PDB file of N, CA and C in Angstrom:
ATOM      1  N   MET A   1     109.099  82.844 107.115  1.00  0.00           N
ATOM      2  CA  MET A   1     109.847  83.653 106.174  1.00  0.00           C
ATOM      3  C   MET A   1     110.443  84.825 106.950  1.00  0.00           C
ATOM      4  N   ASN A   2     111.751  85.024 106.761  1.00  0.00           N
ATOM      5  CA  ASN A   2     112.400  86.116 107.483  1.00  0.00           C
ATOM      6  C   ASN A   2     112.936  87.165 106.519  1.00  0.00           C
ATOM      7  N   ALA A   3     113.494  88.216 107.083  1.00  0.00           N
ATOM      8  CA  ALA A   3     113.982  89.333 106.268  1.00  0.00           C
ATOM      9  C   ALA A   3     115.087  88.907 105.313  1.00  0.00           C
ATOM     10  N   ALA A   4     115.966  88.013 105.756  1.00  0.00           N
ATOM     11  CA  ALA A   4     117.067  87.565 104.890  1.00  0.00           C
ATOM     12  C   ALA A   4     116.522  86.832 103.671  1.00  0.00           C
ATOM     13  N   HIS A   5     115.535  85.983 103.880  1.00  0.00           N
ATOM     14  CA  HIS A   5     114.935  85.249 102.761  1.00  0.00           C
ATOM     15  C   HIS A   5     114.250  86.213 101.790  1.00  0.00           C
ATOM     16  N   LEU A   6     113.522  87.180 102.324  1.00  0.00           N
ATOM     17  CA  LEU A   6     112.860  88.168 101.476  1.00  0.00           C
ATOM     18  C   LEU A   6     113.883  88.963 100.668  1.00  0.00           C
ATOM     19  N   ALA A   7     114.991  89.319 101.307  1.00  0.00           N
ATOM     20  CA  ALA A   7     116.028  90.077 100.604  1.00  0.00           C
ATOM     21  C   ALA A   7     116.630  89.255  99.469  1.00  0.00           C
ATOM     22  N   LYS A   8     116.824  87.967  99.705  1.00  0.00           N
ATOM     23  CA  LYS A   8     117.416  87.098  98.673  1.00  0.00           C
ATOM     24  C   LYS A   8     116.472  86.908  97.488  1.00  0.00           C
ATOM     25  N   THR A   9     115.187  86.834  97.775  1.00  0.00           N
ATOM     26  CA  THR A   9     114.231  86.554  96.703  1.00  0.00           C
ATOM     27  C   THR A   9     113.684  87.803  96.024  1.00  0.00           C
ATOM     28  N   ALA A  10     113.951  88.967  96.575  1.00  0.00           N
ATOM     29  CA  ALA A  10     113.408  90.198  96.003  1.00  0.00           C
ATOM     30  C   ALA A  10     113.833  90.405  94.561  1.00  0.00           C
ATOM     31  N   TYR A  11     115.051  90.006  94.261  1.00  0.00           N
ATOM     32  CA  TYR A  11     115.574  90.188  92.903  1.00  0.00           C
ATOM     33  C   TYR A  11     115.900  88.843  92.271  1.00  0.00           C
ATOM     34  N   ALA A  12     115.124  87.848  92.611  1.00  0.00           N
ATOM     35  CA  ALA A  12     115.391  86.484  92.162  1.00  0.00           C
ATOM     36  C   ALA A  12     115.240  86.291  90.661  1.00  0.00           C
ATOM     37  N   ALA A  13     114.468  87.128  89.999  1.00  0.00           N
ATOM     38  CA  ALA A  13     114.233  86.946  88.565  1.00  0.00           C
ATOM     39  C   ALA A  13     114.626  88.211  87.794  1.00  0.00           C
ATOM     40  N   PRO A  14     115.922  88.547  87.797  1.00  0.00           N
ATOM     41  CA  PRO A  14     116.323  89.773  87.102  1.00  0.00           C
ATOM     42  C   PRO A  14     116.186  89.684  85.592  1.00  0.00           C
ATOM     43  N   ASP A  15     116.002  88.474  85.067  1.00  0.00           N
ATOM     44  CA  ASP A  15     115.844  88.314  83.624  1.00  0.00           C
ATOM     45  C   ASP A  15     114.416  88.579  83.163  1.00  0.00           C
ATOM     46  N   GLN A  16     113.494  88.797  84.114  1.00  0.00           N
ATOM     47  CA  GLN A  16     112.111  89.101  83.761  1.00  0.00           C
ATOM     48  C   GLN A  16     112.053  90.488  83.122  1.00  0.00           C
ATOM     49  N   PRO A  17     111.300  90.639  82.036  1.00  0.00           N
ATOM     50  CA  PRO A  17     111.211  91.951  81.400  1.00  0.00           C
ATOM     51  C   PRO A  17     110.470  92.950  82.286  1.00  0.00           C
ATOM     52  N   THR A  18     110.839  94.196  82.167  1.00  0.00           N
ATOM     53  CA  THR A  18     110.143  95.253  82.882  1.00  0.00           C
ATOM     54  C   THR A  18     108.813  95.500  82.191  1.00  0.00           C
ATOM     55  N   ARG A  19     107.763  95.540  82.971  1.00  0.00           N
ATOM     56  CA  ARG A  19     106.437  95.772  82.400  1.00  0.00           C
ATOM     57  C   ARG A  19     106.233  97.247  82.108  1.00  0.00           C
ATOM     58  N   THR A  20     105.559  97.497  81.013  1.00  0.00           N
ATOM     59  CA  THR A  20     105.138  98.857  80.708  1.00  0.00           C
ATOM     60  C   THR A  20     103.805  99.095  81.398  1.00  0.00           C
ATOM     61  N   LEU A  21     103.357 100.328  81.419  1.00  0.00           N
ATOM     62  CA  LEU A  21     102.046 100.623  81.994  1.00  0.00           C
ATOM     63  C   LEU A  21     100.949  99.877  81.253  1.00  0.00           C
ATOM     64  N   ARG A  22     101.074  99.817  79.941  1.00  0.00           N
ATOM     65  CA  ARG A  22     100.087  99.114  79.120  1.00  0.00           C
ATOM     66  C   ARG A  22     100.080  97.621  79.468  1.00  0.00           C
ATOM     67  N   GLY A  23     101.260  97.061  79.661  1.00  0.00           N
ATOM     68  CA  GLY A  23     101.360  95.653  80.035  1.00  0.00           C
ATOM     69  C   GLY A  23     100.759  95.383  81.400  1.00  0.00           C
ATOM     70  N   THR A  24     100.962  96.312  82.315  1.00  0.00           N
ATOM     71  CA  THR A  24     100.385  96.178  83.652  1.00  0.00           C
ATOM     72  C   THR A  24      98.869  96.265  83.586  1.00  0.00           C
ATOM     73  N   GLU A  25      98.348  97.203  82.800  1.00  0.00           N
ATOM     74  CA  GLU A  25      96.895  97.308  82.629  1.00  0.00           C
ATOM     75  C   GLU A  25      96.336  96.015  82.049  1.00  0.00           C
ATOM     76  N   TYR A  26      97.004  95.479  81.058  1.00  0.00           N
ATOM     77  CA  TYR A  26      96.561  94.233  80.442  1.00  0.00           C
ATOM     78  C   TYR A  26      96.501  93.126  81.495  1.00  0.00           C
ATOM     79  N   GLU A  27      97.542  93.019  82.296  1.00  0.00           N
ATOM     80  CA  GLU A  27      97.609  91.967  83.313  1.00  0.00           C
ATOM     81  C   GLU A  27      96.477  92.086  84.322  1.00  0.00           C
ATOM     82  N   VAL A  28      96.158  93.291  84.750  1.00  0.00           N
ATOM     83  CA  VAL A  28      95.064  93.494  85.706  1.00  0.00           C
ATOM     84  C   VAL A  28      93.738  93.077  85.072  1.00  0.00           C
ATOM     85  N   PHE A  29      93.503  93.520  83.848  1.00  0.00           N
ATOM     86  CA  PHE A  29      92.279  93.118  83.149  1.00  0.00           C
ATOM     87  C   PHE A  29      92.215  91.600  82.986  1.00  0.00           C
ATOM     88  N   ALA A  30      93.327  90.993  82.629  1.00  0.00           N
ATOM     89  CA  ALA A  30      93.355  89.543  82.407  1.00  0.00           C
ATOM     90  C   ALA A  30      93.018  88.781  83.686  1.00  0.00           C
ATOM     91  N   ARG A  31      93.592  89.193  84.796  1.00  0.00           N
ATOM     92  CA  ARG A  31      93.327  88.494  86.061  1.00  0.00           C
ATOM     93  C   ARG A  31      91.866  88.622  86.482  1.00  0.00           C
ATOM     94  N   ILE A  32      91.343  89.829  86.413  1.00  0.00           N
ATOM     95  CA  ILE A  32      89.950  90.034  86.825  1.00  0.00           C
ATOM     96  C   ILE A  32      88.998  89.316  85.875  1.00  0.00           C
ATOM     97  N   THR A  33      89.272  89.377  84.593  1.00  0.00           N
ATOM     98  CA  THR A  33      88.414  88.716  83.608  1.00  0.00           C
ATOM     99  C   THR A  33      88.417  87.209  83.813  1.00  0.00           C
ATOM    100  N   HIS A  34      89.573  86.649  84.096  1.00  0.00           N
ATOM    101  CA  HIS A  34      89.666  85.213  84.375  1.00  0.00           C
ATOM    102  C   HIS A  34      88.819  84.859  85.602  1.00  0.00           C
ATOM    103  N   ARG A  35      88.885  85.682  86.635  1.00  0.00           N
ATOM    104  CA  ARG A  35      88.096  85.429  87.834  1.00  0.00           C
ATOM    105  C   ARG A  35      86.597  85.537  87.556  1.00  0.00           C
ATOM    106  N   LEU A  36      86.200  86.514  86.736  1.00  0.00           N
ATOM    107  CA  LEU A  36      84.785  86.641  86.372  1.00  0.00           C
ATOM    108  C   LEU A  36      84.298  85.391  85.646  1.00  0.00           C
ATOM    109  N   LYS A  37      85.098  84.925  84.684  1.00  0.00           N
ATOM    110  CA  LYS A  37      84.724  83.721  83.920  1.00  0.00           C
ATOM    111  C   LYS A  37      84.636  82.501  84.822  1.00  0.00           C
ATOM    112  N   ALA A  38      85.654  82.304  85.642  1.00  0.00           N
ATOM    113  CA  ALA A  38      85.704  81.115  86.504  1.00  0.00           C
ATOM    114  C   ALA A  38      84.534  81.099  87.483  1.00  0.00           C
ATOM    115  N   ALA A  39      84.241  82.230  88.096  1.00  0.00           N
ATOM    116  CA  ALA A  39      83.140  82.284  89.056  1.00  0.00           C
ATOM    117  C   ALA A  39      81.797  82.091  88.370  1.00  0.00           C
ATOM    118  N   SER A  40      81.643  82.660  87.194  1.00  0.00           N
ATOM    119  CA  SER A  40      80.392  82.504  86.439  1.00  0.00           C
ATOM    120  C   SER A  40      80.151  81.045  86.069  1.00  0.00           C
ATOM    121  N   ALA A  41      81.218  80.357  85.735  1.00  0.00           N
ATOM    122  CA  ALA A  41      81.096  78.951  85.333  1.00  0.00           C
ATOM    123  C   ALA A  41      80.607  78.066  86.480  1.00  0.00           C
ATOM    124  N   LEU A  42      80.780  78.510  87.713  1.00  0.00           N
ATOM    125  CA  LEU A  42      80.348  77.724  88.877  1.00  0.00           C
ATOM    126  C   LEU A  42      78.864  77.876  89.177  1.00  0.00           C
ATOM    127  N   GLY A  43      78.206  78.813  88.505  1.00  0.00           N
ATOM    128  CA  GLY A  43      76.778  79.031  88.758  1.00  0.00           C
ATOM    129  C   GLY A  43      76.552  79.588  90.142  1.00  0.00           C
ATOM    130  N   ASP A  44      75.467  79.139  90.779  1.00  0.00           N
ATOM    131  CA  ASP A  44      75.119  79.646  92.113  1.00  0.00           C
ATOM    132  C   ASP A  44      76.207  79.380  93.139  1.00  0.00           C
ATOM    133  N   ALA A  45      76.920  78.287  92.994  1.00  0.00           N
ATOM    134  CA  ALA A  45      77.979  77.934  93.939  1.00  0.00           C
ATOM    135  C   ALA A  45      79.134  78.933  93.903  1.00  0.00           C
ATOM    136  N   GLY A  46      79.259  79.658  92.806  1.00  0.00           N
ATOM    137  CA  GLY A  46      80.350  80.610  92.672  1.00  0.00           C
ATOM    138  C   GLY A  46      79.955  82.044  92.940  1.00  0.00           C
ATOM    139  N   PHE A  47      78.778  82.255  93.531  1.00  0.00           N
ATOM    140  CA  PHE A  47      78.299  83.623  93.708  1.00  0.00           C
ATOM    141  C   PHE A  47      79.241  84.483  94.553  1.00  0.00           C
ATOM    142  N   THR A  48      79.770  83.927  95.630  1.00  0.00           N
ATOM    143  CA  THR A  48      80.674  84.704  96.483  1.00  0.00           C
ATOM    144  C   THR A  48      81.919  85.117  95.707  1.00  0.00           C
ATOM    145  N   SER A  49      82.474  84.190  94.949  1.00  0.00           N
ATOM    146  CA  SER A  49      83.651  84.500  94.132  1.00  0.00           C
ATOM    147  C   SER A  49      83.300  85.513  93.045  1.00  0.00           C
ATOM    148  N   LEU A  50      82.125  85.371  92.477  1.00  0.00           N
ATOM    149  CA  LEU A  50      81.679  86.313  91.453  1.00  0.00           C
ATOM    150  C   LEU A  50      81.522  87.711  92.042  1.00  0.00           C
ATOM    151  N   ALA A  51      80.947  87.795  93.232  1.00  0.00           N
ATOM    152  CA  ALA A  51      80.770  89.098  93.883  1.00  0.00           C
ATOM    153  C   ALA A  51      82.125  89.760  94.138  1.00  0.00           C
ATOM    154  N   ARG A  52      83.113  88.976  94.561  1.00  0.00           N
ATOM    155  CA  ARG A  52      84.452  89.537  94.780  1.00  0.00           C
ATOM    156  C   ARG A  52      85.072  90.017  93.471  1.00  0.00           C
ATOM    157  N   ALA A  53      84.931  89.214  92.429  1.00  0.00           N
ATOM    158  CA  ALA A  53      85.488  89.592  91.122  1.00  0.00           C
ATOM    159  C   ALA A  53      84.795  90.842  90.580  1.00  0.00           C
ATOM    160  N   ILE A  54      83.492  90.924  90.764  1.00  0.00           N
ATOM    161  CA  ILE A  54      82.752  92.106  90.316  1.00  0.00           C
ATOM    162  C   ILE A  54      83.202  93.338  91.098  1.00  0.00           C
ATOM    163  N   HIS A  55      83.410  93.165  92.383  1.00  0.00           N
ATOM    164  CA  HIS A  55      83.897  94.284  93.202  1.00  0.00           C
ATOM    165  C   HIS A  55      85.245  94.792  92.666  1.00  0.00           C
ATOM    166  N   ASP A  56      86.152  93.880  92.397  1.00  0.00           N
ATOM    167  CA  ASP A  56      87.464  94.278  91.871  1.00  0.00           C
ATOM    168  C   ASP A  56      87.347  94.890  90.481  1.00  0.00           C
ATOM    169  N   ASN A  57      86.445  94.353  89.678  1.00  0.00           N
ATOM    170  CA  ASN A  57      86.234  94.908  88.337  1.00  0.00           C
ATOM    171  C   ASN A  57      85.682  96.329  88.429  1.00  0.00           C
ATOM    172  N   ARG A  58      84.764  96.547  89.352  1.00  0.00           N
ATOM    173  CA  ARG A  58      84.222  97.892  89.556  1.00  0.00           C
ATOM    174  C   ARG A  58      85.315  98.864  90.011  1.00  0.00           C
ATOM    175  N   ARG A  59      86.169  98.406  90.907  1.00  0.00           N
ATOM    176  CA  ARG A  59      87.273  99.260  91.362  1.00  0.00           C
ATOM    177  C   ARG A  59      88.180  99.635  90.203  1.00  0.00           C
ATOM    178  N   LEU A  60      88.477  98.665  89.352  1.00  0.00           N
ATOM    179  CA  LEU A  60      89.308  98.930  88.182  1.00  0.00           C
ATOM    180  C   LEU A  60      88.656  99.971  87.286  1.00  0.00           C
ATOM    181  N   TRP A  61      87.387  99.779  86.983  1.00  0.00           N
ATOM    182  CA  TRP A  61      86.690 100.701  86.092  1.00  0.00           C
ATOM    183  C   TRP A  61      86.501 102.076  86.736  1.00  0.00           C
ATOM    184  N   THR A  62      86.360 102.138  88.047  1.00  0.00           N
ATOM    185  CA  THR A  62      86.268 103.427  88.729  1.00  0.00           C
ATOM    186  C   THR A  62      87.591 104.181  88.611  1.00  0.00           C
ATOM    187  N   LEU A  63      88.697 103.467  88.750  1.00  0.00           N
ATOM    188  CA  LEU A  63      90.008 104.096  88.571  1.00  0.00           C
ATOM    189  C   LEU A  63      90.181 104.607  87.141  1.00  0.00           C
ATOM    190  N   LEU A  64      89.749 103.799  86.181  1.00  0.00           N
ATOM    191  CA  LEU A  64      89.851 104.225  84.781  1.00  0.00           C
ATOM    192  C   LEU A  64      88.998 105.465  84.525  1.00  0.00           C
ATOM    193  N   ALA A  65      87.789 105.477  85.078  1.00  0.00           N
ATOM    194  CA  ALA A  65      86.908 106.635  84.885  1.00  0.00           C
ATOM    195  C   ALA A  65      87.527 107.894  85.487  1.00  0.00           C
ATOM    196  N   ALA A  66      88.093 107.762  86.673  1.00  0.00           N
ATOM    197  CA  ALA A  66      88.735 108.911  87.306  1.00  0.00           C
ATOM    198  C   ALA A  66      89.929 109.386  86.484  1.00  0.00           C
ATOM    199  N   ASP A  67      90.670 108.446  85.934  1.00  0.00           N
ATOM    200  CA  ASP A  67      91.842 108.800  85.132  1.00  0.00           C
ATOM    201  C   ASP A  67      91.450 109.543  83.862  1.00  0.00           C
ATOM    202  N   VAL A  68      90.438 109.058  83.151  1.00  0.00           N
ATOM    203  CA  VAL A  68      90.053 109.722  81.903  1.00  0.00           C
ATOM    204  C   VAL A  68      89.279 111.013  82.149  1.00  0.00           C
ATOM    205  N   ALA A  69      88.748 111.205  83.360  1.00  0.00           N
ATOM    206  CA  ALA A  69      88.057 112.451  83.690  1.00  0.00           C
ATOM    207  C   ALA A  69      89.049 113.563  84.041  1.00  0.00           C
ATOM    208  N   ASP A  70      90.273 113.186  84.313  1.00  0.00           N
ATOM    209  CA  ASP A  70      91.309 114.174  84.651  1.00  0.00           C
ATOM    210  C   ASP A  70      91.634 115.017  83.423  1.00  0.00           C
ATOM    211  N   PRO A  71      91.551 116.336  83.541  1.00  0.00           N
ATOM    212  CA  PRO A  71      91.842 117.203  82.397  1.00  0.00           C
ATOM    213  C   PRO A  71      93.257 117.019  81.841  1.00  0.00           C
ATOM    214  N   GLY A  72      94.167 116.516  82.655  1.00  0.00           N
ATOM    215  CA  GLY A  72      95.536 116.299  82.206  1.00  0.00           C
ATOM    216  C   GLY A  72      95.734 115.000  81.435  1.00  0.00           C
ATOM    217  N   ASN A  73      94.683 114.166  81.348  1.00  0.00           N
ATOM    218  CA  ASN A  73      94.793 112.906  80.615  1.00  0.00           C
ATOM    219  C   ASN A  73      95.037 113.207  79.138  1.00  0.00           C
ATOM    220  N   GLN A  74      96.030 112.533  78.552  1.00  0.00           N
ATOM    221  CA  GLN A  74      96.431 112.846  77.189  1.00  0.00           C
ATOM    222  C   GLN A  74      95.789 111.973  76.115  1.00  0.00           C
ATOM    223  N   LEU A  75      94.878 111.092  76.516  1.00  0.00           N
ATOM    224  CA  LEU A  75      94.158 110.316  75.503  1.00  0.00           C
ATOM    225  C   LEU A  75      93.244 111.253  74.719  1.00  0.00           C
ATOM    226  N   PRO A  76      92.938 110.894  73.470  1.00  0.00           N
ATOM    227  CA  PRO A  76      91.992 111.720  72.696  1.00  0.00           C
ATOM    228  C   PRO A  76      90.635 111.792  73.394  1.00  0.00           C
ATOM    229  N   ALA A  77      89.999 112.948  73.312  1.00  0.00           N
ATOM    230  CA  ALA A  77      88.719 113.172  73.994  1.00  0.00           C
ATOM    231  C   ALA A  77      87.659 112.122  73.665  1.00  0.00           C
ATOM    232  N   PRO A  78      87.498 111.714  72.389  1.00  0.00           N
ATOM    233  CA  PRO A  78      86.476 110.693  72.110  1.00  0.00           C
ATOM    234  C   PRO A  78      86.766 109.355  72.812  1.00  0.00           C
ATOM    235  N   LEU A  79      88.027 108.972  72.890  1.00  0.00           N
ATOM    236  CA  LEU A  79      88.389 107.724  73.566  1.00  0.00           C
ATOM    237  C   LEU A  79      88.145 107.852  75.071  1.00  0.00           C
ATOM    238  N   ARG A  80      88.475 108.995  75.617  1.00  0.00           N
ATOM    239  CA  ARG A  80      88.225 109.226  77.043  1.00  0.00           C
ATOM    240  C   ARG A  80      86.736 109.110  77.340  1.00  0.00           C
ATOM    241  N   ALA A  81      85.910 109.680  76.483  1.00  0.00           N
ATOM    242  CA  ALA A  81      84.456 109.619  76.679  1.00  0.00           C
ATOM    243  C   ALA A  81      83.951 108.182  76.593  1.00  0.00           C
ATOM    244  N   GLN A  82      84.485 107.418  75.660  1.00  0.00           N
ATOM    245  CA  GLN A  82      84.070 106.019  75.518  1.00  0.00           C
ATOM    246  C   GLN A  82      84.442 105.207  76.758  1.00  0.00           C
ATOM    247  N   ILE A  83      85.642 105.421  77.266  1.00  0.00           N
ATOM    248  CA  ILE A  83      86.081 104.701  78.464  1.00  0.00           C
ATOM    249  C   ILE A  83      85.208 105.088  79.651  1.00  0.00           C
ATOM    250  N   PHE A  84      84.892 106.368  79.769  1.00  0.00           N
ATOM    251  CA  PHE A  84      84.032 106.819  80.866  1.00  0.00           C
ATOM    252  C   PHE A  84      82.647 106.179  80.756  1.00  0.00           C
ATOM    253  N   TYR A  85      82.112 106.136  79.559  1.00  0.00           N
ATOM    254  CA  TYR A  85      80.806 105.497  79.344  1.00  0.00           C
ATOM    255  C   TYR A  85      80.863 104.017  79.724  1.00  0.00           C
ATOM    256  N   LEU A  86      81.921 103.328  79.310  1.00  0.00           N
ATOM    257  CA  LEU A  86      82.054 101.906  79.645  1.00  0.00           C
ATOM    258  C   LEU A  86      82.132 101.706  81.157  1.00  0.00           C
ATOM    259  N   ALA A  87      82.782 102.617  81.847  1.00  0.00           N
ATOM    260  CA  ALA A  87      82.859 102.522  83.305  1.00  0.00           C
ATOM    261  C   ALA A  87      81.465 102.634  83.918  1.00  0.00           C
ATOM    262  N   GLN A  88      80.671 103.565  83.422  1.00  0.00           N
ATOM    263  CA  GLN A  88      79.304 103.721  83.919  1.00  0.00           C
ATOM    264  C   GLN A  88      78.469 102.483  83.609  1.00  0.00           C
ATOM    265  N   PHE A  89      78.578 101.997  82.380  1.00  0.00           N
ATOM    266  CA  PHE A  89      77.819 100.810  81.984  1.00  0.00           C
ATOM    267  C   PHE A  89      78.227  99.609  82.837  1.00  0.00           C
ATOM    268  N   THR A  90      79.519  99.442  83.036  1.00  0.00           N
ATOM    269  CA  THR A  90      80.026  98.313  83.818  1.00  0.00           C
ATOM    270  C   THR A  90      79.477  98.357  85.236  1.00  0.00           C
ATOM    271  N   ASN A  91      79.443  99.527  85.826  1.00  0.00           N
ATOM    272  CA  ASN A  91      78.913  99.669  87.181  1.00  0.00           C
ATOM    273  C   ASN A  91      77.430  99.296  87.230  1.00  0.00           C
ATOM    274  N   LEU A  92      76.662  99.795  86.282  1.00  0.00           N
ATOM    275  CA  LEU A  92      75.235  99.488  86.222  1.00  0.00           C
ATOM    276  C   LEU A  92      74.975  98.001  85.982  1.00  0.00           C
ATOM    277  N   HIS A  93      75.694  97.437  85.022  1.00  0.00           N
ATOM    278  CA  HIS A  93      75.489  96.022  84.697  1.00  0.00           C
ATOM    279  C   HIS A  93      75.924  95.129  85.862  1.00  0.00           C
ATOM    280  N   SER A  94      76.956  95.538  86.561  1.00  0.00           N
ATOM    281  CA  SER A  94      77.410  94.768  87.726  1.00  0.00           C
ATOM    282  C   SER A  94      76.309  94.652  88.767  1.00  0.00           C
ATOM    283  N   SER A  95      75.568  95.733  88.966  1.00  0.00           N
ATOM    284  CA  SER A  95      74.444  95.701  89.918  1.00  0.00           C
ATOM    285  C   SER A  95      73.403  94.677  89.485  1.00  0.00           C
ATOM    286  N   LYS A  96      73.154  94.614  88.192  1.00  0.00           N
ATOM    287  CA  LYS A  96      72.183  93.642  87.670  1.00  0.00           C
ATOM    288  C   LYS A  96      72.674  92.215  87.869  1.00  0.00           C
ATOM    289  N   VAL A  97      73.966  91.990  87.680  1.00  0.00           N
ATOM    290  CA  VAL A  97      74.528  90.644  87.879  1.00  0.00           C
ATOM    291  C   VAL A  97      74.397  90.248  89.346  1.00  0.00           C
ATOM    292  N   LEU A  98      74.728  91.147  90.238  1.00  0.00           N
ATOM    293  CA  LEU A  98      74.648  90.850  91.672  1.00  0.00           C
ATOM    294  C   LEU A  98      73.213  90.616  92.132  1.00  0.00           C
ATOM    295  N   ALA A  99      72.250  91.210  91.419  1.00  0.00           N
ATOM    296  CA  ALA A  99      70.835  91.010  91.735  1.00  0.00           C
ATOM    297  C   ALA A  99      70.257  89.803  90.985  1.00  0.00           C
ATOM    298  N   SER A 100      71.116  89.061  90.310  1.00  0.00           N
ATOM    299  CA  SER A 100      70.713  87.882  89.520  1.00  0.00           C
ATOM    300  C   SER A 100      69.732  88.234  88.411  1.00  0.00           C
ATOM    301  N   LYS A 101      69.857  89.442  87.853  1.00  0.00           N
ATOM    302  CA  LYS A 101      69.012  89.866  86.747  1.00  0.00           C
ATOM    303  C   LYS A 101      69.763  89.869  85.421  1.00  0.00           C
ATOM    304  N   ALA A 102      71.045  89.516  85.458  1.00  0.00           N
ATOM    305  CA  ALA A 102      71.876  89.468  84.253  1.00  0.00           C
ATOM    306  C   ALA A 102      73.067  88.563  84.538  1.00  0.00           C
ATOM    307  N   THR A 103      73.786  88.220  83.476  1.00  0.00           N
ATOM    308  CA  THR A 103      74.993  87.413  83.643  1.00  0.00           C
ATOM    309  C   THR A 103      76.223  88.310  83.519  1.00  0.00           C
ATOM    310  N   ALA A 104      77.357  87.771  83.878  1.00  0.00           N
ATOM    311  CA  ALA A 104      78.617  88.519  83.807  1.00  0.00           C
ATOM    312  C   ALA A 104      79.238  88.464  82.410  1.00  0.00           C
ATOM    313  N   GLU A 105      78.581  87.808  81.477  1.00  0.00           N
ATOM    314  CA  GLU A 105      79.136  87.633  80.133  1.00  0.00           C
ATOM    315  C   GLU A 105      79.487  88.964  79.467  1.00  0.00           C
ATOM    316  N   VAL A 106      78.639  89.960  79.613  1.00  0.00           N
ATOM    317  CA  VAL A 106      78.905  91.267  79.001  1.00  0.00           C
ATOM    318  C   VAL A 106      80.142  91.906  79.628  1.00  0.00           C
ATOM    319  N   LEU A 107      80.297  91.758  80.931  1.00  0.00           N
ATOM    320  CA  LEU A 107      81.476  92.308  81.605  1.00  0.00           C
ATOM    321  C   LEU A 107      82.750  91.648  81.087  1.00  0.00           C
ATOM    322  N   VAL A 108      82.685  90.346  80.893  1.00  0.00           N
ATOM    323  CA  VAL A 108      83.825  89.609  80.337  1.00  0.00           C
ATOM    324  C   VAL A 108      84.117  90.092  78.920  1.00  0.00           C
ATOM    325  N   ASP A 109      83.071  90.269  78.125  1.00  0.00           N
ATOM    326  CA  ASP A 109      83.248  90.737  76.743  1.00  0.00           C
ATOM    327  C   ASP A 109      83.895  92.122  76.688  1.00  0.00           C
ATOM    328  N   ILE A 110      83.444  93.021  77.541  1.00  0.00           N
ATOM    329  CA  ILE A 110      84.007  94.376  77.571  1.00  0.00           C
ATOM    330  C   ILE A 110      85.485  94.320  77.956  1.00  0.00           C
ATOM    331  N   ASN A 111      85.785  93.588  79.023  1.00  0.00           N
ATOM    332  CA  ASN A 111      87.180  93.489  79.456  1.00  0.00           C
ATOM    333  C   ASN A 111      88.051  92.848  78.386  1.00  0.00           C
ATOM    334  N   THR A 112      87.531  91.830  77.720  1.00  0.00           N
ATOM    335  CA  THR A 112      88.295  91.151  76.665  1.00  0.00           C
ATOM    336  C   THR A 112      88.561  92.114  75.512  1.00  0.00           C
ATOM    337  N   SER A 113      87.596  92.936  75.173  1.00  0.00           N
ATOM    338  CA  SER A 113      87.794  93.925  74.106  1.00  0.00           C
ATOM    339  C   SER A 113      88.877  94.936  74.493  1.00  0.00           C
ATOM    340  N   ILE A 114      88.859  95.358  75.735  1.00  0.00           N
ATOM    341  CA  ILE A 114      89.884  96.291  76.205  1.00  0.00           C
ATOM    342  C   ILE A 114      91.259  95.623  76.152  1.00  0.00           C
ATOM    343  N   MET A 115      91.327  94.380  76.577  1.00  0.00           N
ATOM    344  CA  MET A 115      92.600  93.644  76.534  1.00  0.00           C
ATOM    345  C   MET A 115      93.106  93.526  75.101  1.00  0.00           C
ATOM    346  N   LYS A 116      92.210  93.259  74.181  1.00  0.00           N
ATOM    347  CA  LYS A 116      92.596  93.162  72.777  1.00  0.00           C
ATOM    348  C   LYS A 116      93.170  94.488  72.293  1.00  0.00           C
ATOM    349  N   GLY A 117      92.517  95.588  72.659  1.00  0.00           N
ATOM    350  CA  GLY A 117      93.005  96.905  72.279  1.00  0.00           C
ATOM    351  C   GLY A 117      94.361  97.213  72.892  1.00  0.00           C
ATOM    352  N   LEU A 118      94.550  96.841  74.143  1.00  0.00           N
ATOM    353  CA  LEU A 118      95.840  97.061  74.787  1.00  0.00           C
ATOM    354  C   LEU A 118      96.940  96.264  74.092  1.00  0.00           C
ATOM    355  N   ARG A 119      96.618  95.046  73.696  1.00  0.00           N
ATOM    356  CA  ARG A 119      97.601  94.188  73.026  1.00  0.00           C
ATOM    357  C   ARG A 119      97.934  94.725  71.640  1.00  0.00           C
ATOM    358  N   GLU A 120      96.909  95.095  70.886  1.00  0.00           N
ATOM    359  CA  GLU A 120      97.132  95.549  69.500  1.00  0.00           C
ATOM    360  C   GLU A 120      97.843  96.888  69.439  1.00  0.00           C
ATOM    361  N   ASN A 121      97.477  97.793  70.316  1.00  0.00           N
ATOM    362  CA  ASN A 121      98.049  99.140  70.262  1.00  0.00           C
ATOM    363  C   ASN A 121      99.409  99.257  70.915  1.00  0.00           C
ATOM    364  N   GLY A 122      99.741  98.298  71.749  1.00  0.00           N
ATOM    365  CA  GLY A 122     101.002  98.417  72.443  1.00  0.00           C
ATOM    366  C   GLY A 122     101.989  97.305  72.158  1.00  0.00           C
ATOM    367  N   GLY A 123     101.564  96.329  71.366  1.00  0.00           N
ATOM    368  CA  GLY A 123     102.457  95.230  71.047  1.00  0.00           C
ATOM    369  C   GLY A 123     102.704  94.303  72.220  1.00  0.00           C
ATOM    370  N   GLU A 124     101.908  94.408  73.274  1.00  0.00           N
ATOM    371  CA  GLU A 124     102.081  93.569  74.438  1.00  0.00           C
ATOM    372  C   GLU A 124     100.791  92.843  74.728  1.00  0.00           C
ATOM    373  N   PRO A 125     100.860  91.883  75.547  1.00  0.00           N
ATOM    374  CA  PRO A 125     102.011  91.175  76.047  1.00  0.00           C
ATOM    375  C   PRO A 125     102.480  90.131  75.077  1.00  0.00           C
TER     376      PRO A 125
END
């Protein structure tokens, strides 16, 4: 692949809709949640994939926690507190999953609930 090919394909799909921030958040949650489900379904054989998905899920939730902890965040205070709590819970539960003391089902449920909220409140995707 060369620079000319990259330049030609950079704008190959101009008819694609521009994503909103809410749509982008939904997409990130959807991808990670799909990976959590797929790796969990493999059982022990999927542990490496599950560990990677959990790592990415933790990174996502850490970013969300940092965002809602910012005094400039314009979400209502109770919602910010709930998101921060979920980030803490997700981190703790992830440790239990990696130690084989719990399943990833709760993590999938939390992410799915967030995706539902993003879809309902923003009309996307």
